[in-house]
Amino acid sequence: MEVELRFTDKEITPWGGMALMKRMLDRMGFDTALGGCGLPMPDPIAATRRCS
């Protein structure tokens, strides 16, 4: 993947940066790689108990 970096005088919002990051992660196949690395899945019931 090739990324071009350059400077600009335009205002950039944090949301614009997040959109760029999301596009980059999608192109890399990050979700597939993360799903195959054996990390434990979160327990939604335990998360609910922590919030109450």
C-alpha atoms as a PDB file:
ATOM      1  CA  MET A   1       0.000   0.000   0.000  1.00  0.00           C
ATOM      2  CA  GLU A   2       1.375   3.370  -0.977  1.00  0.00           C
ATOM      3  CA  VAL A   3       0.481   6.483   1.029  1.00  0.00           C
ATOM      4  CA  GLU A   4       1.226  10.000  -0.109  1.00  0.00           C
ATOM      5  CA  LEU A   5       1.968  12.513   2.647  1.00  0.00           C
ATOM      6  CA  ARG A   6       1.866  16.242   2.031  1.00  0.00           C
ATOM      7  CA  PHE A   7       1.260  19.457   3.920  1.00  0.00           C
ATOM      8  CA  THR A   8      -1.816  21.631   3.516  1.00  0.00           C
ATOM      9  CA  ASP A   9      -3.160  24.904   4.858  1.00  0.00           C
ATOM     10  CA  LYS A  10      -6.679  23.453   4.921  1.00  0.00           C
ATOM     11  CA  GLU A  11      -8.323  22.624   8.227  1.00  0.00           C
ATOM     12  CA  ILE A  12      -8.542  18.911   8.968  1.00  0.00           C
ATOM     13  CA  THR A  13     -11.031  17.638  11.495  1.00  0.00           C
ATOM     14  CA  PRO A  14     -10.396  14.621  13.727  1.00  0.00           C
ATOM     15  CA  TRP A  15     -13.268  12.844  11.925  1.00  0.00           C
ATOM     16  CA  GLY A  16     -11.513  13.286   8.594  1.00  0.00           C
ATOM     17  CA  GLY A  17      -8.410  11.659  10.064  1.00  0.00           C
ATOM     18  CA  MET A  18     -10.475   8.774  11.423  1.00  0.00           C
ATOM     19  CA  ALA A  19     -12.048   8.200   8.000  1.00  0.00           C
ATOM     20  CA  LEU A  20      -8.579   7.991   6.463  1.00  0.00           C
ATOM     21  CA  MET A  21      -7.456   5.568   9.189  1.00  0.00           C
ATOM     22  CA  LYS A  22     -10.540   3.375   8.601  1.00  0.00           C
ATOM     23  CA  ARG A  23      -9.870   3.269   4.852  1.00  0.00           C
ATOM     24  CA  MET A  24      -6.251   2.290   5.480  1.00  0.00           C
ATOM     25  CA  LEU A  25      -7.215  -0.489   7.922  1.00  0.00           C
ATOM     26  CA  ASP A  26      -9.830  -1.803   5.459  1.00  0.00           C
ATOM     27  CA  ARG A  27      -7.254  -1.953   2.654  1.00  0.00           C
ATOM     28  CA  MET A  28      -4.801  -3.791   4.916  1.00  0.00           C
ATOM     29  CA  GLY A  29      -7.416  -6.396   5.864  1.00  0.00           C
ATOM     30  CA  PHE A  30      -6.889  -5.528   9.514  1.00  0.00           C
ATOM     31  CA  ASP A  31     -10.182  -6.999  10.748  1.00  0.00           C
ATOM     32  CA  THR A  32      -9.387 -10.359   9.127  1.00  0.00           C
ATOM     33  CA  ALA A  33      -5.858 -10.390  10.549  1.00  0.00           C
ATOM     34  CA  LEU A  34      -7.107  -9.438  14.006  1.00  0.00           C
ATOM     35  CA  GLY A  35      -9.819 -12.118  13.901  1.00  0.00           C
ATOM     36  CA  GLY A  36      -7.222 -14.802  13.126  1.00  0.00           C
ATOM     37  CA  CYS A  37      -4.724 -13.965  15.861  1.00  0.00           C
ATOM     38  CA  GLY A  38      -6.503 -15.849  18.667  1.00  0.00           C
ATOM     39  CA  LEU A  39      -7.530 -12.971  20.941  1.00  0.00           C
ATOM     40  CA  PRO A  40     -10.331 -13.833  23.389  1.00  0.00           C
ATOM     41  CA  MET A  41     -13.771 -12.504  22.557  1.00  0.00           C
ATOM     42  CA  PRO A  42     -15.304 -10.065  25.065  1.00  0.00           C
ATOM     43  CA  ASP A  43     -18.095 -11.339  27.290  1.00  0.00           C
ATOM     44  CA  PRO A  44     -21.059  -8.954  26.804  1.00  0.00           C
ATOM     45  CA  ILE A  45     -22.742 -10.150  30.018  1.00  0.00           C
ATOM     46  CA  ALA A  46     -19.650  -9.367  32.105  1.00  0.00           C
ATOM     47  CA  ALA A  47     -19.427  -5.929  30.468  1.00  0.00           C
ATOM     48  CA  THR A  48     -23.061  -5.239  31.414  1.00  0.00           C
ATOM     49  CA  ARG A  49     -22.367  -6.168  35.045  1.00  0.00           C
ATOM     50  CA  ARG A  50     -19.352  -3.816  35.186  1.00  0.00           C
ATOM     51  CA  CYS A  51     -21.480  -0.899  33.971  1.00  0.00           C
ATOM     52  CA  SER A  52     -24.276  -1.327  36.503  1.00  0.00           C
END
